[in-house]
Amino acid sequence: MTRDVIVTCPPMLGQLDRFTDFAAEKGLALHPANTTQVLSEDELCELIPQYDGWIIGDDPASKRVFTAARNGKLQAAVKWGIGTDNVDFDACKELGIPIINTPAMFGSEVADVATAYVISLARSLFVIDRGVRAGGWPKPAGISLAGKRAGVIGFGDIGHKAASRLQALGMKVCVYDPGIGGNGGLHGVERANWPDRIGEHDFLVFTCALTNSSYHMLNAKTLADCKEGVRIVNVARGPLIDETALIASLESGHVASAALDVFEVEPLPQDSPLRKFESCIFGSHNGSNTVDAVVRASHEAITRLEGFLLESAAP
């Protein structure tokens, strides 16, 4: 018996043909959703009930959506990737829908992007690229990274790997994570409780999960306590940062620049005031998207979903 599975995760959708045979061997038929980032609750409520399984991206997987899906065919779901802030796991438990994410699949990939952003902000590589493309020959003076201080917020898989990479650049690293103790085997890594010592850091690198306590953790108050000229990198979740406060700090020059792979609203609205800052680098919530990482995470998601569906079919 073939089970129909809807896929709403953009990185997996970008390589879906690579996984159809693998899924078919497990009795699953993959169906692509028409999306570039997320579907709305209304769209999900109409779409998801038609399928036995769901591989979730960053869509609003709310109780309303799961209730509609459970009233249809849905038997199980897997959240593709690490972040789970968009998924109502309590609703799944209440409705009897087995669900899990795919942790530790691409810590290295996202850490690579975070490190690339740090280097690019330090040396204004993006400014040089834009200038040369426009016919100029700009030579902005950057800052050396050796000896500079970085605060890494979140010390899970991504944060640990980011801290290791920043140390390799000669930076002094202080990590923030109340749920993970110790230095993770990284000699010289310091610890602090957020927002203690944020005024010491030349860079703040966000790699943590979005929770009720971390929502807008970088806000007007914490930004005011930051070092003049601090550079901000966010490869985690947009709402960790109060964008209104960040915009004000960019305008005043208190924040020198920012590299944002994620935003409070995605895709970034065309009228967002952030777009006016040439000192900023913008991503498209794409930090985990390498061919290798997508294959790993997608195979894991398919395998987990197969297990759930087999259990649901057992007498």
C-alpha atoms as a PDB file:
ATOM      1  CA  MET A   1       0.000   0.000   0.000  1.00  0.00           C
ATOM      2  CA  THR A   2       1.412   3.375  -1.039  1.00  0.00           C
ATOM      3  CA  ARG A   3       1.027   6.288   1.351  1.00  0.00           C
ATOM      4  CA  ASP A   4       0.772   9.836   0.010  1.00  0.00           C
ATOM      5  CA  VAL A   5       3.104  12.378   1.610  1.00  0.00           C
ATOM      6  CA  ILE A   6       2.974  16.150   1.086  1.00  0.00           C
ATOM      7  CA  VAL A   7       6.291  18.022   1.251  1.00  0.00           C
ATOM      8  CA  THR A   8       6.240  21.733   2.166  1.00  0.00           C
ATOM      9  CA  CYS A   9       9.935  22.174   2.991  1.00  0.00           C
ATOM     10  CA  PRO A  10      11.645  24.371   0.328  1.00  0.00           C
ATOM     11  CA  PRO A  11      15.175  22.855   0.536  1.00  0.00           C
ATOM     12  CA  MET A  12      13.754  19.354   0.126  1.00  0.00           C
ATOM     13  CA  LEU A  13      11.449  20.539  -2.646  1.00  0.00           C
ATOM     14  CA  GLY A  14      14.484  21.895  -4.485  1.00  0.00           C
ATOM     15  CA  GLN A  15      15.904  18.372  -4.780  1.00  0.00           C
ATOM     16  CA  LEU A  16      12.715  16.304  -4.596  1.00  0.00           C
ATOM     17  CA  ASP A  17      13.550  14.131  -7.607  1.00  0.00           C
ATOM     18  CA  ARG A  18      16.531  12.770  -5.659  1.00  0.00           C
ATOM     19  CA  PHE A  19      14.230  11.285  -3.012  1.00  0.00           C
ATOM     20  CA  THR A  20      11.274   9.867  -4.920  1.00  0.00           C
ATOM     21  CA  ASP A  21      12.840   6.434  -5.473  1.00  0.00           C
ATOM     22  CA  PHE A  22      14.097   6.244  -1.887  1.00  0.00           C
ATOM     23  CA  ALA A  23      10.602   7.098  -0.642  1.00  0.00           C
ATOM     24  CA  ALA A  24       8.937   4.688  -3.076  1.00  0.00           C
ATOM     25  CA  GLU A  25      11.035   1.822  -1.706  1.00  0.00           C
ATOM     26  CA  LYS A  26       9.450   2.601   1.651  1.00  0.00           C
ATOM     27  CA  GLY A  27       5.930   2.749   0.237  1.00  0.00           C
ATOM     28  CA  LEU A  28       5.699   6.537   0.188  1.00  0.00           C
ATOM     29  CA  ALA A  29       4.702   8.753  -2.732  1.00  0.00           C
ATOM     30  CA  LEU A  30       6.090  12.291  -2.341  1.00  0.00           C
ATOM     31  CA  HIS A  31       3.946  15.210  -3.509  1.00  0.00           C
ATOM     32  CA  PRO A  32       5.412  18.732  -3.802  1.00  0.00           C
ATOM     33  CA  ALA A  33       3.563  21.720  -2.417  1.00  0.00           C
ATOM     34  CA  ASN A  34       3.609  24.937  -4.424  1.00  0.00           C
ATOM     35  CA  THR A  35       5.635  27.123  -2.062  1.00  0.00           C
ATOM     36  CA  THR A  36       8.886  29.086  -1.892  1.00  0.00           C
ATOM     37  CA  GLN A  37       8.900  29.641   1.874  1.00  0.00           C
ATOM     38  CA  VAL A  38       5.686  28.961   3.821  1.00  0.00           C
ATOM     39  CA  LEU A  39       2.003  28.308   3.209  1.00  0.00           C
ATOM     40  CA  SER A  40      -0.704  30.095   5.171  1.00  0.00           C
ATOM     41  CA  GLU A  41      -2.889  28.359   7.754  1.00  0.00           C
ATOM     42  CA  ASP A  42      -5.831  28.540   5.362  1.00  0.00           C
ATOM     43  CA  GLU A  43      -3.823  26.929   2.569  1.00  0.00           C
ATOM     44  CA  LEU A  44      -2.550  24.209   4.906  1.00  0.00           C
ATOM     45  CA  CYS A  45      -6.034  23.453   6.256  1.00  0.00           C
ATOM     46  CA  GLU A  46      -7.199  22.837   2.700  1.00  0.00           C
ATOM     47  CA  LEU A  47      -4.126  20.918   1.547  1.00  0.00           C
ATOM     48  CA  ILE A  48      -2.817  18.709   4.362  1.00  0.00           C
ATOM     49  CA  PRO A  49      -5.999  16.633   5.024  1.00  0.00           C
ATOM     50  CA  GLN A  50      -5.564  15.063   1.582  1.00  0.00           C
ATOM     51  CA  TYR A  51      -2.358  13.247   2.596  1.00  0.00           C
ATOM     52  CA  ASP A  52      -1.310  10.423   4.915  1.00  0.00           C
ATOM     53  CA  GLY A  53       1.960  12.073   5.892  1.00  0.00           C
ATOM     54  CA  TRP A  54       3.438  15.554   6.003  1.00  0.00           C
ATOM     55  CA  ILE A  55       7.094  16.672   5.845  1.00  0.00           C
ATOM     56  CA  ILE A  56       6.915  20.144   7.334  1.00  0.00           C
ATOM     57  CA  GLY A  57       9.057  23.165   6.548  1.00  0.00           C
ATOM     58  CA  ASP A  58       8.660  26.443   8.420  1.00  0.00           C
ATOM     59  CA  ASP A  59       4.915  26.550   7.835  1.00  0.00           C
ATOM     60  CA  PRO A  60       2.515  27.492  10.654  1.00  0.00           C
ATOM     61  CA  ALA A  61       1.814  23.935  11.777  1.00  0.00           C
ATOM     62  CA  SER A  62      -0.787  24.989  14.325  1.00  0.00           C
ATOM     63  CA  LYS A  63      -3.499  23.147  16.240  1.00  0.00           C
ATOM     64  CA  ARG A  64      -6.021  24.419  13.720  1.00  0.00           C
ATOM     65  CA  VAL A  65      -4.015  22.922  10.856  1.00  0.00           C
ATOM     66  CA  PHE A  66      -3.458  19.594  12.606  1.00  0.00           C
ATOM     67  CA  THR A  67      -7.125  19.358  13.585  1.00  0.00           C
ATOM     68  CA  ALA A  68      -8.192  19.838   9.977  1.00  0.00           C
ATOM     69  CA  ALA A  69      -5.546  17.354   8.853  1.00  0.00           C
ATOM     70  CA  ARG A  70      -6.600  14.749  11.407  1.00  0.00           C
ATOM     71  CA  ASN A  71     -10.201  15.094  10.263  1.00  0.00           C
ATOM     72  CA  GLY A  72      -8.846  14.128   6.854  1.00  0.00           C
ATOM     73  CA  LYS A  73      -6.233  11.462   6.057  1.00  0.00           C
ATOM     74  CA  LEU A  74      -3.189  12.637   8.017  1.00  0.00           C
ATOM     75  CA  GLN A  75      -1.612   9.934  10.167  1.00  0.00           C
ATOM     76  CA  ALA A  76       1.867  11.291  10.955  1.00  0.00           C
ATOM     77  CA  ALA A  77       4.274  14.176  10.337  1.00  0.00           C
ATOM     78  CA  VAL A  78       7.967  15.028  10.481  1.00  0.00           C
ATOM     79  CA  LYS A  79       9.406  18.496  10.910  1.00  0.00           C
ATOM     80  CA  TRP A  80      12.287  18.725   8.437  1.00  0.00           C
ATOM     81  CA  GLY A  81      15.288  20.273  10.152  1.00  0.00           C
ATOM     82  CA  ILE A  82      16.103  21.417  13.658  1.00  0.00           C
ATOM     83  CA  GLY A  83      13.823  24.342  14.518  1.00  0.00           C
ATOM     84  CA  THR A  84      10.420  23.436  15.917  1.00  0.00           C
ATOM     85  CA  ASP A  85       9.006  26.794  17.026  1.00  0.00           C
ATOM     86  CA  ASN A  86       6.446  26.737  14.197  1.00  0.00           C
ATOM     87  CA  VAL A  87       5.000  23.354  15.212  1.00  0.00           C
ATOM     88  CA  ASP A  88       2.374  22.776  17.895  1.00  0.00           C
ATOM     89  CA  PHE A  89       3.657  19.496  19.356  1.00  0.00           C
ATOM     90  CA  ASP A  90       1.087  19.620  22.154  1.00  0.00           C
ATOM     91  CA  ALA A  91      -1.698  19.631  19.577  1.00  0.00           C
ATOM     92  CA  CYS A  92      -0.148  16.605  17.875  1.00  0.00           C
ATOM     93  CA  LYS A  93      -0.034  14.754  21.167  1.00  0.00           C
ATOM     94  CA  GLU A  94      -3.646  15.655  21.904  1.00  0.00           C
ATOM     95  CA  LEU A  95      -4.778  14.575  18.442  1.00  0.00           C
ATOM     96  CA  GLY A  96      -2.678  11.398  18.410  1.00  0.00           C
ATOM     97  CA  ILE A  97      -0.444  12.451  15.523  1.00  0.00           C
ATOM     98  CA  PRO A  98       3.103  11.039  15.812  1.00  0.00           C
ATOM     99  CA  ILE A  99       5.679  13.739  15.020  1.00  0.00           C
ATOM    100  CA  ILE A 100       9.401  14.359  15.374  1.00  0.00           C
ATOM    101  CA  ASN A 101      12.048  16.654  13.906  1.00  0.00           C
ATOM    102  CA  THR A 102      15.449  15.786  12.353  1.00  0.00           C
ATOM    103  CA  PRO A 103      18.031  17.155  14.806  1.00  0.00           C
ATOM    104  CA  ALA A 104      21.805  17.397  14.322  1.00  0.00           C
ATOM    105  CA  MET A 105      21.543  17.175  10.542  1.00  0.00           C
ATOM    106  CA  PHE A 106      23.299  20.375   9.465  1.00  0.00           C
ATOM    107  CA  GLY A 107      25.075  22.059  12.355  1.00  0.00           C
ATOM    108  CA  SER A 108      28.250  22.335  10.295  1.00  0.00           C
ATOM    109  CA  GLU A 109      26.469  23.895   7.323  1.00  0.00           C
ATOM    110  CA  VAL A 110      24.762  26.626   9.339  1.00  0.00           C
ATOM    111  CA  ALA A 111      27.941  27.251  11.331  1.00  0.00           C
ATOM    112  CA  ASP A 112      29.791  27.699   8.027  1.00  0.00           C
ATOM    113  CA  VAL A 113      27.294  30.377   6.993  1.00  0.00           C
ATOM    114  CA  ALA A 114      27.540  32.132  10.363  1.00  0.00           C
ATOM    115  CA  THR A 115      31.330  32.209  10.062  1.00  0.00           C
ATOM    116  CA  ALA A 116      31.139  33.484   6.496  1.00  0.00           C
ATOM    117  CA  TYR A 117      28.868  36.300   7.663  1.00  0.00           C
ATOM    118  CA  VAL A 118      31.309  37.238  10.441  1.00  0.00           C
ATOM    119  CA  ILE A 119      34.196  37.431   7.965  1.00  0.00           C
ATOM    120  CA  SER A 120      32.162  39.353   5.419  1.00  0.00           C
ATOM    121  CA  LEU A 121      30.990  41.912   7.972  1.00  0.00           C
ATOM    122  CA  ALA A 122      34.527  42.329   9.288  1.00  0.00           C
ATOM    123  CA  ARG A 123      36.004  42.982   5.853  1.00  0.00           C
ATOM    124  CA  SER A 124      32.991  44.517   4.043  1.00  0.00           C
ATOM    125  CA  LEU A 125      33.351  41.922   1.295  1.00  0.00           C
ATOM    126  CA  PHE A 126      29.746  42.447   0.239  1.00  0.00           C
ATOM    127  CA  VAL A 127      30.344  46.208  -0.114  1.00  0.00           C
ATOM    128  CA  ILE A 128      33.360  45.563  -2.326  1.00  0.00           C
ATOM    129  CA  ASP A 129      31.390  43.105  -4.470  1.00  0.00           C
ATOM    130  CA  ARG A 130      28.556  45.580  -4.966  1.00  0.00           C
ATOM    131  CA  GLY A 131      30.966  48.392  -5.784  1.00  0.00           C
ATOM    132  CA  VAL A 132      32.960  46.454  -8.355  1.00  0.00           C
ATOM    133  CA  ARG A 133      29.768  45.219 -10.032  1.00  0.00           C
ATOM    134  CA  ALA A 134      28.649  48.872 -10.264  1.00  0.00           C
ATOM    135  CA  GLY A 135      31.887  49.852 -12.008  1.00  0.00           C
ATOM    136  CA  GLY A 136      33.819  51.072  -8.977  1.00  0.00           C
ATOM    137  CA  TRP A 137      36.944  49.909  -7.202  1.00  0.00           C
ATOM    138  CA  PRO A 138      36.165  50.370  -3.461  1.00  0.00           C
ATOM    139  CA  LYS A 139      38.760  49.641  -0.786  1.00  0.00           C
ATOM    140  CA  PRO A 140      37.012  49.876   2.596  1.00  0.00           C
ATOM    141  CA  ALA A 141      39.202  49.322   5.648  1.00  0.00           C
ATOM    142  CA  GLY A 142      37.990  46.342   7.622  1.00  0.00           C
ATOM    143  CA  ILE A 143      38.794  45.023  11.060  1.00  0.00           C
ATOM    144  CA  SER A 144      41.043  42.115  11.963  1.00  0.00           C
ATOM    145  CA  LEU A 145      39.293  39.195  13.618  1.00  0.00           C
ATOM    146  CA  ALA A 146      42.181  37.817  15.688  1.00  0.00           C
ATOM    147  CA  GLY A 147      41.677  38.985  19.256  1.00  0.00           C
ATOM    148  CA  LYS A 148      38.136  40.238  18.692  1.00  0.00           C
ATOM    149  CA  ARG A 149      35.344  38.987  20.937  1.00  0.00           C
ATOM    150  CA  ALA A 150      32.257  37.073  19.789  1.00  0.00           C
ATOM    151  CA  GLY A 151      29.193  36.253  21.848  1.00  0.00           C
ATOM    152  CA  VAL A 152      27.561  33.078  20.539  1.00  0.00           C
ATOM    153  CA  ILE A 153      23.969  32.764  21.709  1.00  0.00           C
ATOM    154  CA  GLY A 154      23.009  29.091  21.714  1.00  0.00           C
ATOM    155  CA  PHE A 155      25.514  26.287  22.335  1.00  0.00           C
ATOM    156  CA  GLY A 156      23.768  23.381  20.688  1.00  0.00           C
ATOM    157  CA  ASP A 157      25.051  21.669  17.554  1.00  0.00           C
ATOM    158  CA  ILE A 158      25.186  24.858  15.466  1.00  0.00           C
ATOM    159  CA  GLY A 159      26.473  27.101  18.243  1.00  0.00           C
ATOM    160  CA  HIS A 160      29.186  24.666  19.255  1.00  0.00           C
ATOM    161  CA  LYS A 161      30.440  24.345  15.684  1.00  0.00           C
ATOM    162  CA  ALA A 162      30.242  28.112  15.144  1.00  0.00           C
ATOM    163  CA  ALA A 163      32.247  28.718  18.329  1.00  0.00           C
ATOM    164  CA  SER A 164      34.894  26.258  17.146  1.00  0.00           C
ATOM    165  CA  ARG A 165      35.200  28.014  13.791  1.00  0.00           C
ATOM    166  CA  LEU A 166      35.425  31.468  15.368  1.00  0.00           C
ATOM    167  CA  GLN A 167      38.142  30.262  17.726  1.00  0.00           C
ATOM    168  CA  ALA A 168      40.053  28.992  14.688  1.00  0.00           C
ATOM    169  CA  LEU A 169      40.007  32.572  13.404  1.00  0.00           C
ATOM    170  CA  GLY A 170      41.722  33.683  16.600  1.00  0.00           C
ATOM    171  CA  MET A 171      38.597  35.166  18.166  1.00  0.00           C
ATOM    172  CA  LYS A 172      37.730  35.040  21.855  1.00  0.00           C
ATOM    173  CA  VAL A 173      34.368  33.338  22.286  1.00  0.00           C
ATOM    174  CA  CYS A 174      31.785  33.621  25.054  1.00  0.00           C
ATOM    175  CA  VAL A 175      28.715  31.388  24.818  1.00  0.00           C
ATOM    176  CA  TYR A 176      25.200  31.809  26.195  1.00  0.00           C
ATOM    177  CA  ASP A 177      22.949  28.805  26.746  1.00  0.00           C
ATOM    178  CA  PRO A 178      21.145  28.059  30.033  1.00  0.00           C
ATOM    179  CA  GLY A 179      20.298  24.532  28.892  1.00  0.00           C
ATOM    180  CA  ILE A 180      23.815  23.348  28.059  1.00  0.00           C
ATOM    181  CA  GLY A 181      26.673  23.499  30.545  1.00  0.00           C
ATOM    182  CA  GLY A 182      30.429  23.296  30.203  1.00  0.00           C
ATOM    183  CA  ASN A 183      32.656  24.323  27.337  1.00  0.00           C
ATOM    184  CA  GLY A 184      31.842  21.426  24.997  1.00  0.00           C
ATOM    185  CA  GLY A 185      35.486  20.441  24.850  1.00  0.00           C
ATOM    186  CA  LEU A 186      36.493  23.812  23.378  1.00  0.00           C
ATOM    187  CA  HIS A 187      39.435  25.095  25.391  1.00  0.00           C
ATOM    188  CA  GLY A 188      39.187  28.800  26.172  1.00  0.00           C
ATOM    189  CA  VAL A 189      35.453  29.180  25.588  1.00  0.00           C
ATOM    190  CA  GLU A 190      33.910  31.402  28.248  1.00  0.00           C
ATOM    191  CA  ARG A 191      30.371  31.224  29.652  1.00  0.00           C
ATOM    192  CA  ALA A 192      27.908  33.939  30.633  1.00  0.00           C
ATOM    193  CA  ASN A 193      24.208  34.356  31.371  1.00  0.00           C
ATOM    194  CA  TRP A 194      22.310  36.492  28.892  1.00  0.00           C
ATOM    195  CA  PRO A 195      22.595  39.487  28.747  1.00  0.00           C
ATOM    196  CA  ASP A 196      25.646  39.721  31.028  1.00  0.00           C
ATOM    197  CA  ARG A 197      28.853  40.945  29.371  1.00  0.00           C
ATOM    198  CA  ILE A 198      27.233  41.745  26.020  1.00  0.00           C
ATOM    199  CA  GLY A 199      29.000  45.113  26.102  1.00  0.00           C
ATOM    200  CA  GLU A 200      32.325  43.292  25.667  1.00  0.00           C
ATOM    201  CA  HIS A 201      31.569  41.680  22.312  1.00  0.00           C
ATOM    202  CA  ASP A 202      32.499  42.901  18.850  1.00  0.00           C
ATOM    203  CA  PHE A 203      30.117  40.370  17.297  1.00  0.00           C
ATOM    204  CA  LEU A 204      26.905  38.727  18.476  1.00  0.00           C
ATOM    205  CA  VAL A 205      26.081  35.478  16.668  1.00  0.00           C
ATOM    206  CA  PHE A 206      22.591  34.029  17.214  1.00  0.00           C
ATOM    207  CA  THR A 207      22.273  30.253  16.807  1.00  0.00           C
ATOM    208  CA  CYS A 208      19.665  29.446  19.489  1.00  0.00           C
ATOM    209  CA  ALA A 209      16.104  28.168  19.376  1.00  0.00           C
ATOM    210  CA  LEU A 210      13.124  30.515  19.425  1.00  0.00           C
ATOM    211  CA  THR A 211      11.167  30.124  22.663  1.00  0.00           C
ATOM    212  CA  ASN A 212       8.964  32.325  24.815  1.00  0.00           C
ATOM    213  CA  SER A 213      12.037  33.389  26.783  1.00  0.00           C
ATOM    214  CA  SER A 214      14.241  34.079  23.752  1.00  0.00           C
ATOM    215  CA  TYR A 215      11.652  36.073  21.769  1.00  0.00           C
ATOM    216  CA  HIS A 216      13.081  39.589  21.153  1.00  0.00           C
ATOM    217  CA  MET A 217      16.058  38.825  23.403  1.00  0.00           C
ATOM    218  CA  LEU A 218      17.950  41.429  21.382  1.00  0.00           C
ATOM    219  CA  ASN A 219      15.806  44.499  21.942  1.00  0.00           C
ATOM    220  CA  ALA A 220      16.158  48.218  22.623  1.00  0.00           C
ATOM    221  CA  LYS A 221      17.495  47.616  26.139  1.00  0.00           C
ATOM    222  CA  THR A 222      19.995  44.888  25.297  1.00  0.00           C
ATOM    223  CA  LEU A 223      21.118  46.715  22.161  1.00  0.00           C
ATOM    224  CA  ALA A 224      21.797  49.834  24.246  1.00  0.00           C
ATOM    225  CA  ASP A 225      24.102  47.730  26.426  1.00  0.00           C
ATOM    226  CA  CYS A 226      26.039  46.444  23.422  1.00  0.00           C
ATOM    227  CA  LYS A 227      29.431  47.751  22.434  1.00  0.00           C
ATOM    228  CA  GLU A 228      29.462  50.747  20.101  1.00  0.00           C
ATOM    229  CA  GLY A 229      29.959  49.424  16.577  1.00  0.00           C
ATOM    230  CA  VAL A 230      28.872  45.865  17.348  1.00  0.00           C
ATOM    231  CA  ARG A 231      28.137  43.597  14.402  1.00  0.00           C
ATOM    232  CA  ILE A 232      25.121  41.264  14.519  1.00  0.00           C
ATOM    233  CA  VAL A 233      24.722  37.843  12.853  1.00  0.00           C
ATOM    234  CA  ASN A 234      21.487  35.823  13.000  1.00  0.00           C
ATOM    235  CA  VAL A 235      21.306  32.354  11.446  1.00  0.00           C
ATOM    236  CA  ALA A 236      18.651  31.037  13.853  1.00  0.00           C
ATOM    237  CA  ARG A 237      15.172  32.603  13.929  1.00  0.00           C
ATOM    238  CA  GLY A 238      14.097  36.130  13.011  1.00  0.00           C
ATOM    239  CA  PRO A 239      11.999  36.933  16.101  1.00  0.00           C
ATOM    240  CA  LEU A 240      15.038  36.561  18.364  1.00  0.00           C
ATOM    241  CA  ILE A 241      15.701  40.155  17.320  1.00  0.00           C
ATOM    242  CA  ASP A 242      13.318  43.078  17.656  1.00  0.00           C
ATOM    243  CA  GLU A 243      13.769  44.455  14.154  1.00  0.00           C
ATOM    244  CA  THR A 244      12.332  47.859  15.074  1.00  0.00           C
ATOM    245  CA  ALA A 245      15.008  48.237  17.759  1.00  0.00           C
ATOM    246  CA  LEU A 246      17.707  46.944  15.403  1.00  0.00           C
ATOM    247  CA  ILE A 247      16.696  49.462  12.736  1.00  0.00           C
ATOM    248  CA  ALA A 248      16.982  52.299  15.265  1.00  0.00           C
ATOM    249  CA  SER A 249      20.445  51.085  16.317  1.00  0.00           C
ATOM    250  CA  LEU A 250      21.584  50.826  12.694  1.00  0.00           C
ATOM    251  CA  GLU A 251      20.319  54.331  12.027  1.00  0.00           C
ATOM    252  CA  SER A 252      22.211  55.733  15.009  1.00  0.00           C
ATOM    253  CA  GLY A 253      25.374  53.824  14.119  1.00  0.00           C
ATOM    254  CA  HIS A 254      25.441  52.023  17.464  1.00  0.00           C
ATOM    255  CA  VAL A 255      25.214  48.787  15.457  1.00  0.00           C
ATOM    256  CA  ALA A 256      27.783  48.928  12.686  1.00  0.00           C
ATOM    257  CA  SER A 257      26.236  46.251  10.497  1.00  0.00           C
ATOM    258  CA  ALA A 258      24.183  43.081  10.510  1.00  0.00           C
ATOM    259  CA  ALA A 259      24.000  39.815   8.590  1.00  0.00           C
ATOM    260  CA  LEU A 260      20.502  38.371   8.769  1.00  0.00           C
ATOM    261  CA  ASP A 261      19.674  35.005   7.247  1.00  0.00           C
ATOM    262  CA  VAL A 262      16.273  35.102   8.972  1.00  0.00           C
ATOM    263  CA  PHE A 263      13.646  37.759   9.657  1.00  0.00           C
ATOM    264  CA  GLU A 264      10.572  38.399  11.750  1.00  0.00           C
ATOM    265  CA  VAL A 265       8.460  38.158   8.591  1.00  0.00           C
ATOM    266  CA  GLU A 266       9.622  35.943   5.734  1.00  0.00           C
ATOM    267  CA  PRO A 267      10.195  36.559   2.911  1.00  0.00           C
ATOM    268  CA  LEU A 268      11.486  40.011   3.905  1.00  0.00           C
ATOM    269  CA  PRO A 269       8.734  42.501   2.967  1.00  0.00           C
ATOM    270  CA  GLN A 270       9.550  44.839   0.106  1.00  0.00           C
ATOM    271  CA  ASP A 271       8.777  47.837   2.319  1.00  0.00           C
ATOM    272  CA  SER A 272      10.977  46.711   5.226  1.00  0.00           C
ATOM    273  CA  PRO A 273      13.147  49.609   6.470  1.00  0.00           C
ATOM    274  CA  LEU A 274      16.005  47.134   6.786  1.00  0.00           C
ATOM    275  CA  ARG A 275      16.421  47.246   3.018  1.00  0.00           C
ATOM    276  CA  LYS A 276      17.816  50.784   3.124  1.00  0.00           C
ATOM    277  CA  PHE A 277      20.966  49.808   5.033  1.00  0.00           C
ATOM    278  CA  GLU A 278      23.845  49.123   2.655  1.00  0.00           C
ATOM    279  CA  SER A 279      25.835  47.956   5.685  1.00  0.00           C
ATOM    280  CA  CYS A 280      23.662  44.851   6.021  1.00  0.00           C
ATOM    281  CA  ILE A 281      23.774  41.441   4.353  1.00  0.00           C
ATOM    282  CA  PHE A 282      20.495  39.622   3.846  1.00  0.00           C
ATOM    283  CA  GLY A 283      19.956  35.901   3.411  1.00  0.00           C
ATOM    284  CA  SER A 284      16.864  33.900   2.538  1.00  0.00           C
ATOM    285  CA  HIS A 285      16.635  31.505   5.510  1.00  0.00           C
ATOM    286  CA  ASN A 286      18.949  29.245   3.571  1.00  0.00           C
ATOM    287  CA  GLY A 287      21.756  28.469   5.994  1.00  0.00           C
ATOM    288  CA  SER A 288      21.232  24.710   6.000  1.00  0.00           C
ATOM    289  CA  ASN A 289      20.713  24.320   2.272  1.00  0.00           C
ATOM    290  CA  THR A 290      23.580  22.307   0.829  1.00  0.00           C
ATOM    291  CA  VAL A 291      23.144  19.295  -1.413  1.00  0.00           C
ATOM    292  CA  ASP A 292      24.753  17.052   1.196  1.00  0.00           C
ATOM    293  CA  ALA A 293      22.766  18.340   4.179  1.00  0.00           C
ATOM    294  CA  VAL A 294      19.440  18.222   2.359  1.00  0.00           C
ATOM    295  CA  VAL A 295      20.070  14.603   1.402  1.00  0.00           C
ATOM    296  CA  ARG A 296      20.866  13.667   5.010  1.00  0.00           C
ATOM    297  CA  ALA A 297      17.863  15.474   6.494  1.00  0.00           C
ATOM    298  CA  SER A 298      15.442  14.305   3.806  1.00  0.00           C
ATOM    299  CA  HIS A 299      16.442  10.651   4.092  1.00  0.00           C
ATOM    300  CA  GLU A 300      16.021  10.943   7.857  1.00  0.00           C
ATOM    301  CA  ALA A 301      12.583  12.580   7.480  1.00  0.00           C
ATOM    302  CA  ILE A 302      11.389   9.909   5.029  1.00  0.00           C
ATOM    303  CA  THR A 303      12.678   7.086   7.217  1.00  0.00           C
ATOM    304  CA  ARG A 304      11.058   8.517  10.347  1.00  0.00           C
ATOM    305  CA  LEU A 305       7.771   9.072   8.550  1.00  0.00           C
ATOM    306  CA  GLU A 306       7.784   5.523   7.192  1.00  0.00           C
ATOM    307  CA  GLY A 307       8.167   4.199  10.741  1.00  0.00           C
ATOM    308  CA  PHE A 308       5.260   6.272  12.022  1.00  0.00           C
ATOM    309  CA  LEU A 309       2.994   5.214   9.158  1.00  0.00           C
ATOM    310  CA  LEU A 310       3.870   1.572   9.593  1.00  0.00           C
ATOM    311  CA  GLU A 311       2.958   1.827  13.272  1.00  0.00           C
ATOM    312  CA  SER A 312      -0.336   3.499  12.443  1.00  0.00           C
ATOM    313  CA  ALA A 313      -1.190   0.679  10.035  1.00  0.00           C
ATOM    314  CA  ALA A 314      -0.427  -2.075  12.553  1.00  0.00           C
ATOM    315  CA  PRO A 315      -3.501  -3.934  13.855  1.00  0.00           C
END
